[in-house]
Amino acid sequence: MVHHPKLELARSILRQRVCVKCYLRPAGSENAPPTVARHCEGDCPIFLSLPTLLRIDVQSEDKSLGGYQLAVRDLVCQTCMASDTAGDFCVGQMTRTCPLSLYLGEAMDALSRINGLHRPMPQNITVVTNRPKKAPATATAPEDKK
């Protein structure tokens, strides 16, 4: 089994699930393998905020799209460098032309799956085996010898 770093795995899965739908993707790039970076990634709000998006998924108690939207607006949009109007009044978010706004659901679903693969196993798990249970040993009282 090959283990890939989490960020590179996230980039590949986003290219496979989100980039193929994106209206800003370079022509013909939907046919490129997910391991190949697109030249638009350097300006894409999804890829620019990828570490924060992964952290939002891990730390968010509200795993709904609305919960993710609020967290993204607070943690990503306020400092976004992809738009001149970043923040609460971002034109890209209001007009739904920002890829992060448009594809947040698909992106967070993919990132949630990646985080699920990388979460540590709980320490208090019960291991179930298919071994037959042994019958409990019955203790017999020793006979009194007189």
Protein backbone atom coordinates (compact mmCIF):
# COMPACT_ATOMS: atom_id res chain seq x y z
CA MET A 1 0.00 0.00 0.00
CA VAL A 2 1.30 3.47 -0.89
CA HIS A 3 0.76 6.31 1.58
CA HIS A 4 0.60 9.81 0.12
CA PRO A 5 0.94 13.01 2.13
CA LYS A 6 -2.47 14.35 3.10
CA LEU A 7 -2.21 17.65 1.18
CA GLU A 8 -1.13 15.96 -2.05
CA LEU A 9 -3.90 13.40 -1.71
CA ALA A 10 -6.37 16.23 -1.12
CA ARG A 11 -5.16 18.08 -4.22
CA SER A 12 -5.52 14.95 -6.36
CA ILE A 13 -9.02 14.21 -5.14
CA LEU A 14 -10.12 17.82 -5.60
CA ARG A 15 -8.79 17.76 -9.17
CA GLN A 16 -10.78 14.58 -9.77
CA ARG A 17 -14.04 15.68 -8.13
CA VAL A 18 -14.14 19.48 -8.37
CA CYS A 19 -11.79 20.70 -11.09
CA VAL A 20 -13.49 18.64 -13.79
CA LYS A 21 -16.70 20.64 -13.14
CA CYS A 22 -15.14 24.07 -12.66
CA TYR A 23 -16.07 26.67 -15.23
CA LEU A 24 -12.62 28.29 -14.80
CA ARG A 25 -10.62 25.15 -15.63
CA PRO A 26 -8.19 25.38 -18.53
CA ALA A 27 -9.51 23.89 -21.77
CA GLY A 28 -8.84 20.15 -21.97
CA SER A 29 -7.61 19.90 -18.38
CA GLU A 30 -10.57 17.72 -17.39
CA ASN A 31 -8.81 14.92 -19.27
CA ALA A 32 -5.54 15.32 -17.33
CA PRO A 33 -4.92 12.78 -14.56
CA PRO A 34 -5.61 13.96 -11.01
CA THR A 35 -1.91 13.82 -10.18
CA VAL A 36 -1.19 16.67 -12.62
CA ALA A 37 -1.59 20.21 -11.28
CA ARG A 38 -3.58 22.65 -13.38
CA HIS A 39 -2.02 26.07 -13.98
CA CYS A 40 -5.10 27.74 -12.44
CA GLU A 41 -4.48 26.19 -8.99
CA GLY A 42 -2.18 29.06 -7.97
CA ASP A 43 -5.13 31.48 -8.15
CA CYS A 44 -7.91 29.12 -7.05
CA PRO A 45 -9.46 29.91 -3.65
CA ILE A 46 -10.03 26.20 -3.02
CA PHE A 47 -6.37 25.31 -3.45
CA LEU A 48 -5.12 28.50 -1.78
CA SER A 49 -7.13 27.70 1.36
CA LEU A 50 -6.71 23.92 1.32
CA PRO A 51 -4.94 23.57 4.71
CA THR A 52 -7.63 25.73 6.32
CA LEU A 53 -10.41 23.72 4.67
CA LEU A 54 -8.92 20.49 6.00
CA ARG A 55 -8.73 22.03 9.48
CA ILE A 56 -12.33 23.28 9.22
CA ASP A 57 -13.49 19.74 8.50
CA VAL A 58 -11.59 18.30 11.45
CA GLN A 59 -12.60 20.98 13.96
CA SER A 60 -16.15 21.76 12.84
CA GLU A 61 -18.93 20.35 14.97
CA ASP A 62 -21.53 21.27 12.34
CA LYS A 63 -20.75 19.06 9.34
CA SER A 64 -23.61 20.50 7.27
CA LEU A 65 -23.03 22.66 4.21
CA GLY A 66 -24.34 25.66 6.16
CA GLY A 67 -21.87 25.01 8.96
CA TYR A 68 -19.02 24.77 6.48
CA GLN A 69 -20.16 27.97 4.73
CA LEU A 70 -20.10 29.90 8.00
CA ALA A 71 -16.66 28.58 8.91
CA VAL A 72 -15.29 29.35 5.45
CA ARG A 73 -16.73 32.87 5.54
CA ASP A 74 -15.09 33.46 8.94
CA LEU A 75 -11.75 31.72 8.37
CA VAL A 76 -11.11 31.97 4.63
CA CYS A 77 -13.13 34.75 3.02
CA GLN A 78 -12.04 37.46 5.46
CA THR A 79 -8.41 37.15 4.35
CA CYS A 80 -8.88 35.84 0.80
CA MET A 81 -6.31 37.14 -1.66
CA ALA A 82 -8.15 35.81 -4.73
CA SER A 83 -10.64 38.68 -4.79
CA ASP A 84 -10.38 42.45 -4.47
CA THR A 85 -13.69 42.42 -2.59
CA ALA A 86 -12.90 39.63 -0.13
CA GLY A 87 -14.80 39.47 3.13
CA ASP A 88 -18.44 39.82 4.03
CA PHE A 89 -19.23 41.72 0.82
CA CYS A 90 -17.27 39.57 -1.63
CA VAL A 91 -18.71 39.91 -5.12
CA GLY A 92 -17.53 36.40 -6.05
CA GLN A 93 -19.43 34.89 -3.14
CA MET A 94 -22.57 36.98 -3.68
CA THR A 95 -22.73 36.23 -7.40
CA ARG A 96 -21.59 32.62 -6.90
CA THR A 97 -18.66 33.02 -9.29
CA CYS A 98 -16.04 32.08 -6.69
CA PRO A 99 -15.07 28.39 -7.07
CA LEU A 100 -14.97 28.02 -3.28
CA SER A 101 -18.54 29.27 -3.04
CA LEU A 102 -19.72 27.19 -6.00
CA TYR A 103 -18.03 23.89 -5.17
CA LEU A 104 -17.77 24.01 -1.37
CA GLY A 105 -20.10 21.03 -0.90
CA GLU A 106 -18.14 18.74 -3.22
CA ALA A 107 -14.81 19.98 -1.86
CA MET A 108 -15.75 19.43 1.79
CA ASP A 109 -17.21 16.00 1.05
CA ALA A 110 -13.91 14.98 -0.56
CA LEU A 111 -11.83 16.50 2.24
CA SER A 112 -14.00 14.86 4.89
CA ARG A 113 -13.30 11.49 3.32
CA ILE A 114 -9.56 12.20 3.30
CA ASN A 115 -9.63 13.28 6.94
CA GLY A 116 -11.56 10.11 7.75
CA LEU A 117 -8.74 8.05 6.27
CA HIS A 118 -6.16 9.91 8.34
CA ARG A 119 -7.97 10.00 11.69
CA PRO A 120 -6.29 7.97 14.41
CA MET A 121 -8.12 4.90 15.54
CA PRO A 122 -9.86 5.29 18.90
CA GLN A 123 -8.07 3.65 21.80
CA ASN A 124 -11.20 2.17 23.37
CA ILE A 125 -12.24 -0.12 20.54
CA THR A 126 -13.51 -3.62 20.95
CA VAL A 127 -11.94 -6.21 18.71
CA VAL A 128 -14.40 -8.81 17.50
CA THR A 129 -13.15 -12.17 16.34
CA ASN A 130 -14.89 -15.13 14.84
CA ARG A 131 -13.37 -17.57 17.26
CA PRO A 132 -15.88 -19.78 19.04
CA LYS A 133 -16.20 -19.03 22.71
CA LYS A 134 -15.03 -21.70 25.08
CA ALA A 135 -17.53 -23.04 27.52
CA PRO A 136 -16.88 -21.71 31.00
CA ALA A 137 -15.02 -24.14 33.19
CA THR A 138 -17.11 -25.51 35.99
CA ALA A 139 -15.46 -25.85 39.32
CA THR A 140 -16.29 -28.89 41.34
CA ALA A 141 -15.93 -28.88 45.04
CA PRO A 142 -13.46 -31.41 46.33
CA GLU A 143 -15.10 -34.24 48.16
CA ASP A 144 -14.61 -34.37 51.86
CA LYS A 145 -12.47 -37.33 52.83
CA LYS A 146 -13.12 -38.76 56.22
